[in-house]
Protein backbone atom coordinates (compact mmCIF):
# COMPACT_ATOMS: atom_id res chain seq x y z
CA MET A 1 -144.94 -43.05 41.54
CA THR A 2 -145.46 -39.83 43.39
CA THR A 3 -145.33 -39.87 47.20
CA PRO A 4 -146.77 -37.44 49.77
CA HIS A 5 -144.97 -34.25 50.58
CA GLY A 6 -142.19 -34.27 48.02
CA GLY A 7 -141.44 -37.86 47.17
CA ALA A 8 -139.36 -40.56 48.41
CA ALA A 9 -136.01 -38.74 48.14
CA PHE A 10 -137.20 -35.99 50.42
CA ALA A 11 -138.80 -38.46 52.79
CA ALA A 12 -135.48 -40.27 53.05
CA TYR A 13 -133.62 -37.04 53.63
CA ARG A 14 -136.13 -36.19 56.41
CA LEU A 15 -135.76 -39.48 58.18
CA ASP A 16 -131.97 -39.46 58.04
CA ASP A 17 -131.69 -35.98 59.68
CA PRO A 18 -132.12 -36.55 63.48
CA GLU A 19 -133.10 -32.80 63.99
CA LEU A 20 -135.89 -33.17 61.30
CA VAL A 21 -137.06 -36.43 62.95
CA ASP A 22 -137.22 -34.82 66.26
CA ALA A 23 -139.10 -31.79 64.77
CA GLY A 24 -141.51 -34.19 63.08
CA ASP A 25 -142.35 -36.00 66.26
CA PRO A 26 -143.33 -33.14 68.65
CA GLY A 27 -145.35 -35.45 70.92
CA GLY A 28 -142.48 -37.83 71.38
CA MET A 29 -144.15 -41.00 70.00
CA LEU A 30 -140.76 -42.49 69.20
CA ARG A 31 -139.89 -42.25 72.92
CA HIS A 32 -143.15 -43.94 73.78
CA VAL A 33 -142.29 -46.84 71.46
CA ALA A 34 -138.84 -47.08 72.92
CA SER A 35 -140.38 -47.57 76.40
CA SER A 36 -141.76 -50.99 75.46
CA ALA A 37 -139.02 -53.00 77.29
CA ALA A 38 -139.51 -50.89 80.37
CA GLN A 39 -143.34 -51.57 80.16
CA VAL A 40 -142.70 -55.30 80.26
CA ARG A 41 -140.49 -55.00 83.38
CA THR A 42 -142.78 -52.42 85.12
CA ALA A 43 -145.91 -54.54 84.42
CA LEU A 44 -144.11 -57.66 85.83
CA ARG A 45 -143.37 -55.67 89.11
CA ALA A 46 -147.03 -54.56 89.28
CA CYS A 47 -148.08 -58.20 89.06
CA GLU A 48 -145.61 -59.29 91.75
CA GLU A 49 -147.09 -56.61 94.08
CA THR A 50 -150.64 -57.92 93.57
CA ASP A 51 -152.16 -60.89 95.46
CA LEU A 52 -152.95 -63.29 92.65
CA SER A 53 -152.99 -66.38 94.90
CA SER A 54 -156.59 -67.17 93.92
CA LEU A 55 -155.41 -67.91 90.35
CA GLN A 56 -154.56 -71.58 90.56
CA PRO A 57 -154.38 -74.40 87.94
CA ASP A 58 -156.81 -76.58 89.89
CA GLU A 59 -159.35 -73.73 90.16
CA ARG A 60 -159.47 -72.57 86.64
CA PRO A 61 -162.47 -70.58 85.43
CA ARG A 62 -164.65 -71.90 82.66
CA ALA A 63 -163.56 -68.95 80.38
CA ILE A 64 -161.38 -65.90 80.57
CA VAL A 65 -163.16 -62.82 79.13
CA VAL A 66 -161.00 -59.75 78.45
CA ALA A 67 -162.93 -56.57 78.27
CA GLY A 68 -160.98 -53.99 76.39
CA ALA A 69 -161.20 -51.39 73.60
CA GLY A 70 -158.41 -50.60 71.15
CA VAL A 71 -155.14 -51.62 72.66
CA GLY A 72 -156.96 -53.40 75.57
CA ALA A 73 -158.79 -55.53 73.02
CA LEU A 74 -155.48 -56.28 71.18
CA ALA A 75 -153.98 -57.37 74.57
CA GLY A 76 -156.78 -59.90 74.86
CA GLN A 77 -156.10 -61.14 71.37
CA ILE A 78 -152.44 -61.61 72.19
CA LEU A 79 -153.40 -63.56 75.33
CA ALA A 80 -155.49 -65.90 73.11
CA ALA A 81 -152.70 -66.27 70.46
CA VAL A 82 -150.04 -66.97 73.05
CA SER A 83 -152.31 -69.54 74.90
CA GLY A 84 -152.83 -71.27 71.60
CA LEU A 85 -155.75 -73.36 70.15
CA ASN A 86 -155.24 -76.15 72.68
CA SER A 87 -156.00 -74.00 75.70
CA PRO A 88 -158.29 -75.88 78.18
CA VAL A 89 -159.93 -72.57 78.98
CA GLN A 90 -161.79 -70.49 76.50
CA ILE A 91 -160.34 -67.01 75.89
CA LEU A 92 -162.65 -64.39 74.57
CA THR A 93 -162.15 -60.65 74.00
CA VAL A 94 -165.14 -58.29 74.33
CA ASN A 95 -164.62 -55.08 72.40
CA GLY A 96 -167.88 -53.45 73.22
CA SER A 97 -170.19 -52.51 76.12
CA SER A 98 -171.89 -55.81 76.89
CA LEU A 99 -170.99 -59.36 77.89
CA PRO A 100 -172.25 -62.44 76.02
CA GLY A 101 -175.31 -63.88 77.70
CA TRP A 102 -173.53 -67.14 78.79
CA VAL A 103 -170.91 -65.32 80.90
CA GLY A 104 -171.51 -65.90 84.57
CA ALA A 105 -170.07 -66.83 88.01
CA ALA A 106 -167.88 -69.61 86.58
CA ASP A 107 -166.01 -67.18 84.38
CA LEU A 108 -163.10 -64.73 85.01
CA VAL A 109 -163.69 -61.27 83.52
CA ILE A 110 -160.61 -58.96 83.10
CA PRO A 111 -161.44 -55.33 82.45
CA THR A 112 -158.40 -53.87 80.80
CA SER A 113 -157.74 -50.15 80.25
CA SER A 114 -154.70 -48.03 80.44
CA SER A 115 -156.78 -45.19 81.83
CA GLY A 116 -159.40 -47.04 83.64
CA HIS A 117 -161.95 -44.66 82.28
CA THR A 118 -162.78 -46.32 78.98
CA THR A 119 -166.59 -46.29 78.68
CA GLU A 120 -167.02 -49.73 77.21
CA VAL A 121 -164.68 -51.38 79.74
CA VAL A 122 -166.40 -49.65 82.66
CA SER A 123 -169.74 -50.82 81.36
CA VAL A 124 -168.61 -54.40 81.05
CA ALA A 125 -166.95 -54.32 84.46
CA ARG A 126 -170.25 -53.27 86.00
CA GLU A 127 -172.18 -55.92 84.22
CA ALA A 128 -169.71 -58.61 85.21
CA ALA A 129 -169.96 -57.52 88.86
CA ARG A 130 -173.78 -57.76 88.71
CA ARG A 131 -173.59 -61.31 87.32
CA GLY A 132 -171.27 -62.37 90.02
CA CYS A 133 -168.26 -63.05 87.80
CA GLN A 134 -164.78 -63.40 89.10
CA LEU A 135 -163.03 -60.08 88.50
CA LEU A 136 -159.40 -59.11 87.95
CA GLY A 137 -158.73 -55.60 86.75
CA VAL A 138 -155.75 -54.29 84.72
CA ALA A 139 -156.11 -50.52 85.16
CA PRO A 140 -154.73 -47.61 87.21
CA ALA A 141 -155.59 -47.25 90.88
CA GLY A 142 -158.17 -44.54 91.54
CA SER A 143 -159.99 -45.17 88.31
CA PRO A 144 -163.59 -46.18 87.81
CA VAL A 145 -162.49 -49.74 86.90
CA GLN A 146 -160.67 -49.94 90.24
CA GLU A 147 -163.79 -48.75 92.19
CA ILE A 148 -165.89 -51.48 90.51
CA ILE A 149 -163.31 -54.11 91.16
CA THR A 150 -162.99 -53.24 94.81
CA GLN A 151 -166.70 -53.25 95.46
CA ALA A 152 -166.98 -56.68 93.80
CA ARG A 153 -164.02 -58.00 95.88
CA GLY A 154 -161.85 -58.62 93.03
CA ARG A 155 -158.19 -57.89 92.48
CA LEU A 156 -156.59 -54.98 90.60
CA ILE A 157 -153.26 -54.98 88.95
CA ASP A 158 -152.35 -51.32 89.19
CA VAL A 159 -150.76 -50.17 85.92
CA LYS A 160 -149.72 -46.65 85.20
CA SER A 161 -151.71 -44.57 82.74
CA ALA A 162 -149.75 -43.95 79.48
CA VAL A 163 -149.63 -40.71 77.62
CA THR A 164 -151.50 -42.37 74.78
CA ALA A 165 -153.48 -45.63 74.89
CA ARG A 166 -151.80 -46.99 71.78
CA SER A 167 -148.36 -46.79 73.47
CA SER A 168 -149.46 -49.01 76.28
CA LEU A 169 -149.57 -52.41 74.60
CA TRP A 170 -147.14 -54.17 76.84
CA THR A 171 -148.41 -52.59 80.01
CA LEU A 172 -151.72 -54.15 79.38
CA THR A 173 -150.55 -57.44 77.71
CA VAL A 174 -148.05 -58.69 80.34
CA PRO A 175 -150.58 -58.87 83.28
CA LEU A 176 -152.94 -60.95 81.21
CA ILE A 177 -150.23 -63.44 80.31
CA VAL A 178 -149.07 -63.54 83.99
CA ALA A 179 -152.65 -64.36 84.98
CA ALA A 180 -152.86 -67.06 82.40
CA GLU A 181 -149.55 -68.50 83.59
CA ARG A 182 -150.68 -68.70 87.10
CA LEU A 183 -153.67 -70.66 85.81
CA GLY A 184 -151.34 -73.04 83.99
CA LEU A 185 -152.48 -72.02 80.59
CA VAL A 186 -149.05 -70.76 79.32
CA ARG A 187 -145.45 -71.24 80.30
CA VAL A 188 -143.30 -68.14 80.01
CA GLY A 189 -141.18 -67.79 83.10
CA ALA A 190 -139.02 -64.95 84.23
CA SER A 191 -136.47 -65.77 81.50
CA GLY A 192 -139.24 -65.53 78.87
CA TYR A 193 -140.35 -62.07 79.80
CA GLU A 194 -136.84 -60.83 80.01
CA ALA A 195 -136.06 -62.37 76.64
CA ALA A 196 -138.97 -60.41 75.17
CA ALA A 197 -137.85 -57.25 76.92
CA SER A 198 -134.31 -57.73 75.62
CA LEU A 199 -135.54 -58.13 72.13
CA LEU A 200 -137.63 -55.01 72.31
CA GLU A 201 -134.52 -53.15 73.49
CA ASP A 202 -132.52 -54.63 70.60
CA VAL A 203 -135.08 -53.58 67.96
CA SER A 204 -135.25 -50.12 69.63
CA HIS A 205 -131.53 -49.78 69.21
CA GLN A 206 -131.64 -50.81 65.57
CA CYS A 207 -134.51 -48.31 64.92
CA ARG A 208 -133.10 -45.37 66.88
CA PRO A 209 -133.57 -41.98 65.27
CA SER A 210 -129.83 -41.45 64.80
CA SER A 211 -129.45 -44.62 62.70
CA GLU A 212 -129.68 -43.93 59.03
CA SER A 213 -132.38 -45.50 56.85
CA PHE A 214 -130.24 -47.98 54.97
CA VAL A 215 -129.34 -49.81 58.27
CA ASN A 216 -132.48 -48.90 60.23
CA PRO A 217 -135.24 -51.56 59.66
CA GLY A 218 -137.96 -49.23 60.94
CA LYS A 219 -137.03 -46.43 58.59
CA SER A 220 -136.52 -48.86 55.60
CA LEU A 221 -139.98 -50.35 56.12
CA ALA A 222 -141.53 -46.91 56.30
CA LEU A 223 -139.86 -45.83 53.11
CA ASP A 224 -141.00 -49.07 51.42
CA LEU A 225 -144.52 -48.26 52.36
CA LEU A 226 -144.47 -44.61 51.32
CA GLY A 227 -146.71 -43.98 48.37
CA ALA A 228 -147.98 -47.45 48.36
CA LEU A 229 -151.19 -49.17 49.63
CA PRO A 230 -150.02 -51.80 52.08
CA VAL A 231 -151.73 -55.22 52.03
CA VAL A 232 -150.76 -56.97 55.31
CA TRP A 233 -151.37 -60.74 55.57
CA GLY A 234 -150.63 -63.15 58.47
CA GLY A 235 -151.13 -66.91 58.61
CA SER A 236 -151.00 -67.93 62.34
CA PRO A 237 -152.77 -66.48 65.45
CA LEU A 238 -149.62 -64.67 66.44
CA ALA A 239 -148.97 -63.45 62.88
CA MET A 240 -152.54 -62.13 62.57
CA VAL A 241 -152.15 -60.17 65.78
CA ALA A 242 -148.89 -58.62 64.48
CA ALA A 243 -150.54 -57.92 61.19
CA GLY A 244 -153.51 -56.20 62.89
CA ARG A 245 -151.17 -54.12 65.06
CA LEU A 246 -149.27 -52.96 61.93
CA VAL A 247 -152.50 -51.94 60.30
CA SER A 248 -153.88 -50.12 63.38
CA GLN A 249 -150.62 -48.30 64.02
CA LEU A 250 -150.25 -47.20 60.38
CA ALA A 251 -153.69 -45.61 60.76
CA ALA A 252 -153.06 -44.08 64.18
CA ASN A 253 -149.51 -42.86 63.83
CA ALA A 254 -149.18 -42.20 60.05
CA LYS A 255 -152.94 -41.68 59.28
CA TYR A 256 -152.27 -44.21 56.52
CA PRO A 257 -154.71 -46.86 55.32
CA ALA A 258 -153.86 -50.51 54.86
CA LEU A 259 -155.73 -53.75 54.12
CA LEU A 260 -155.65 -56.66 56.61
CA GLY A 261 -156.10 -60.27 55.64
CA GLY A 262 -155.42 -63.78 56.96
CA LEU A 263 -153.96 -66.68 55.00
CA PRO A 264 -155.08 -68.95 53.42
CA GLY A 265 -158.61 -67.45 53.53
CA ILE A 266 -157.65 -64.36 51.51
CA GLY A 267 -157.12 -66.60 48.46
CA ARG A 268 -161.01 -66.76 48.19
CA ASP A 269 -161.56 -62.96 48.07
CA GLN A 270 -158.93 -60.32 48.96
CA VAL A 271 -156.24 -61.62 46.63
CA ALA A 272 -158.49 -60.39 43.78
CA VAL A 273 -157.10 -56.86 44.40
CA PHE A 274 -153.94 -58.09 42.70
CA ASP A 275 -155.90 -57.57 39.47
CA GLY A 276 -157.64 -54.34 40.43
CA PRO A 277 -157.01 -50.63 39.83
CA PHE A 278 -154.36 -50.48 42.56
CA ALA A 279 -152.25 -53.32 41.11
CA PRO A 280 -149.20 -52.18 39.08
CA ARG A 281 -150.04 -52.01 35.44
CA PRO A 282 -147.81 -53.38 32.82
CA GLU A 283 -145.83 -50.99 30.61
CA PRO A 284 -148.10 -49.88 27.70
CA SER A 285 -147.22 -51.56 24.43
CA TYR A 286 -146.92 -48.85 21.82
CA PRO A 287 -147.09 -49.87 18.13
CA SER A 288 -144.27 -49.27 15.70
CA ALA A 289 -144.64 -46.21 13.38
CA GLU A 290 -143.97 -48.03 10.22
CA ASP A 291 -147.60 -47.74 9.18
CA PRO A 292 -149.20 -44.38 10.11
CA LEU A 293 -152.74 -45.62 9.73
CA GLU A 294 -152.13 -48.76 11.76
CA THR A 295 -150.52 -46.61 14.41
CA LEU A 296 -153.54 -44.35 14.64
CA ASP A 297 -155.91 -47.29 14.86
CA SER A 298 -153.79 -49.00 17.62
CA LEU A 299 -153.55 -45.85 19.74
CA ASP A 300 -157.30 -45.72 19.98
CA SER A 301 -157.28 -49.04 22.03
CA ILE A 302 -154.66 -47.77 24.59
CA ASP A 303 -156.11 -47.33 28.14
CA PRO A 304 -155.35 -43.69 29.12
CA PHE A 305 -154.92 -44.90 32.74
CA ASP A 306 -151.88 -46.89 31.62
CA GLU A 307 -150.07 -43.65 30.94
CA ALA A 308 -150.55 -42.31 34.39
CA GLU A 309 -148.09 -44.55 36.14
CA ASP A 310 -146.20 -41.69 37.76
CA ASN A 311 -149.41 -40.72 39.62
CA ALA A 312 -150.51 -44.24 40.58
CA ILE A 313 -150.69 -45.77 44.06
CA ALA A 314 -149.64 -49.44 43.75
CA LEU A 315 -150.26 -52.26 46.27
CA ARG A 316 -147.26 -53.46 48.40
CA LEU A 317 -147.71 -56.84 50.01
CA ILE A 318 -146.50 -57.30 53.56
CA LEU A 319 -146.34 -60.90 54.76
CA ILE A 320 -145.93 -61.79 58.45
CA ALA A 321 -144.24 -65.22 58.52
CA ASP A 322 -144.57 -67.51 61.54
CA GLU A 323 -143.02 -70.59 59.87
CA SER A 324 -142.41 -72.59 63.00
CA THR A 325 -146.12 -72.42 64.00
CA GLU A 326 -148.22 -71.88 60.85
CA HIS A 327 -149.86 -74.80 59.18
CA PRO A 328 -147.93 -76.25 56.13
CA ARG A 329 -150.88 -75.20 53.98
CA VAL A 330 -150.44 -71.61 55.21
CA THR A 331 -146.76 -71.69 54.49
CA ALA A 332 -147.49 -72.88 50.95
CA SER A 333 -150.17 -70.17 50.51
CA ARG A 334 -147.75 -67.46 51.75
CA ARG A 335 -145.09 -68.54 49.41
CA ALA A 336 -147.57 -68.66 46.46
CA ALA A 337 -148.88 -65.17 47.39
CA ALA A 338 -145.37 -63.69 47.26
CA SER A 339 -144.73 -65.42 43.92
CA LEU A 340 -148.09 -64.22 42.49
CA ALA A 341 -147.42 -60.69 43.66
CA GLY A 342 -144.09 -60.68 41.94
CA THR A 343 -145.57 -61.84 38.66
CA ARG A 344 -148.02 -58.96 38.89
CA GLY A 345 -145.16 -56.46 39.45
CA MET A 346 -145.97 -55.86 43.11
CA ASP A 347 -143.21 -55.26 45.66
CA VAL A 348 -143.20 -57.76 48.61
CA SER A 349 -141.85 -57.41 52.19
CA GLU A 350 -141.68 -60.28 54.62
CA LEU A 351 -141.42 -59.85 58.34
CA ALA A 352 -140.28 -63.10 60.01
CA MET A 353 -141.16 -64.26 63.51
CA GLU A 354 -138.10 -66.03 64.87
CA GLY A 355 -137.59 -68.47 67.78
CA ASP A 356 -140.01 -70.68 69.67
CA GLN A 357 -141.19 -68.44 72.55
CA PRO A 358 -144.49 -66.86 71.44
CA LEU A 359 -144.12 -63.68 73.42
CA ARG A 360 -140.57 -63.04 72.16
CA LYS A 361 -141.60 -63.84 68.58
CA LEU A 362 -144.45 -61.34 68.72
CA ALA A 363 -142.31 -58.64 70.40
CA GLY A 364 -139.76 -58.44 67.53
CA VAL A 365 -142.29 -57.92 64.78
CA VAL A 366 -144.65 -55.65 66.79
CA GLN A 367 -141.86 -53.33 67.82
CA LEU A 368 -140.64 -53.08 64.20
CA ALA A 369 -144.15 -52.37 63.09
CA ASP A 370 -144.54 -49.60 65.79
CA TYR A 371 -141.41 -47.87 64.64
CA ALA A 372 -142.19 -48.09 60.89
CA SER A 373 -145.62 -46.56 61.51
CA VAL A 374 -144.10 -43.58 63.46
CA TYR A 375 -141.38 -43.03 60.84
CA LEU A 376 -143.91 -43.15 58.05
CA GLY A 377 -145.87 -40.39 59.75
CA ILE A 378 -142.74 -38.36 60.03
CA ALA A 379 -141.80 -38.99 56.43
CA CYS A 380 -145.22 -37.74 55.35
CA GLY A 381 -144.98 -34.63 57.49
CA ILE A 382 -147.66 -35.82 59.89
CA ASP A 383 -147.44 -35.59 63.72
CA PRO A 384 -147.64 -39.24 64.80
CA LEU A 385 -149.27 -38.28 68.13
CA ALA A 386 -152.05 -36.17 66.73
CA ILE A 387 -155.53 -37.62 67.18
CA ALA A 388 -157.85 -34.93 65.80
CA ALA A 389 -160.24 -37.23 63.86
CA ILE A 390 -160.39 -39.69 66.76
CA GLY A 391 -161.32 -36.92 69.13
CA ASP A 392 -163.90 -35.46 66.70
CA LEU A 393 -165.54 -38.88 66.19
CA LYS A 394 -165.76 -39.44 69.97
CA ASP A 395 -167.34 -36.03 70.55
CA LEU A 396 -169.87 -36.48 67.72
CA THR A 397 -170.78 -39.98 69.08
CA GLU A 398 -171.31 -38.58 72.61
CA GLN A 399 -173.53 -35.82 71.19
CA ALA A 400 -175.62 -38.35 69.21
CA SER A 401 -176.04 -40.82 72.06
């Protein structure tokens, strides 16, 4: 199988040379990923400095509506996953410019933006203020979101603007979980946040640029994905959040496509790709040359695409396992999917969520996914921080609107 920019051997060489890694990451995306633990602690301090006394378990809102785009929306999904299906308060993420019609004064709306200028978030914040909703902002001071929150007499958790929005996941996520904890919806505690931060530090140490690929889980996963089409499946709310993060980071940091699916539902549709043009093909069965005429007749039936294995892009299955939380049916489906992929000749990687604390479980897998996406971009000779297509689409959209 061929791989971008010189093949797997050159990619491994590039990742194992710290100078080449540094040269391939001119925007310092690896440093941004390594800041995750600091983000958790800094966001906690920002929450401690904010008056959140109005958030009480006996005065819960009917619903929590997180207004976010991109990473802000993902933070809302994490809040819902950490709160779980038994949460007494509905948790909804709005990833657009309008609120659902039912949202009103009984609900808490949380506009969430690392810059505070995100068009969709500002629009929703204004609409929530007009409807008389309770407002809690997660955004930098001095931003349009802060101005709206202040006018509506809401509270703002002042977070610092990140260099790139995609590197601000924990900056935006922690305040949402703190708010939910004050409402009695989740139980994390100081030790829980510190456990997540410590694990983020541990993964960052394992995935540091100076660590060679055979002992570096981030580089190893990146090399596993190189030249393949990743199919990423999760089976619990937390696992699906982690799977979605991996897919979005592969696109943003490595400019690399991937499929996202949820177990066991993918058994009804997406698993069919195991039999499609990107599935590994069996070795062609060439006839013996004992009978020349029979040989010629048999060659006519050989699929020419079977002889192009060296140029094929094959699927690689990535399973996010959350065995302590996922339904037994999901566990059975995940194991069956791994077995089926193996019989089809597909390579399989499994990323396991370990422990009982949701935030810590998520932190370990998400941090590994973030590192792998950056290393894959470097391995392919692509600047992980570059966002030319994103900027071009935004400009064209503004011109058309």
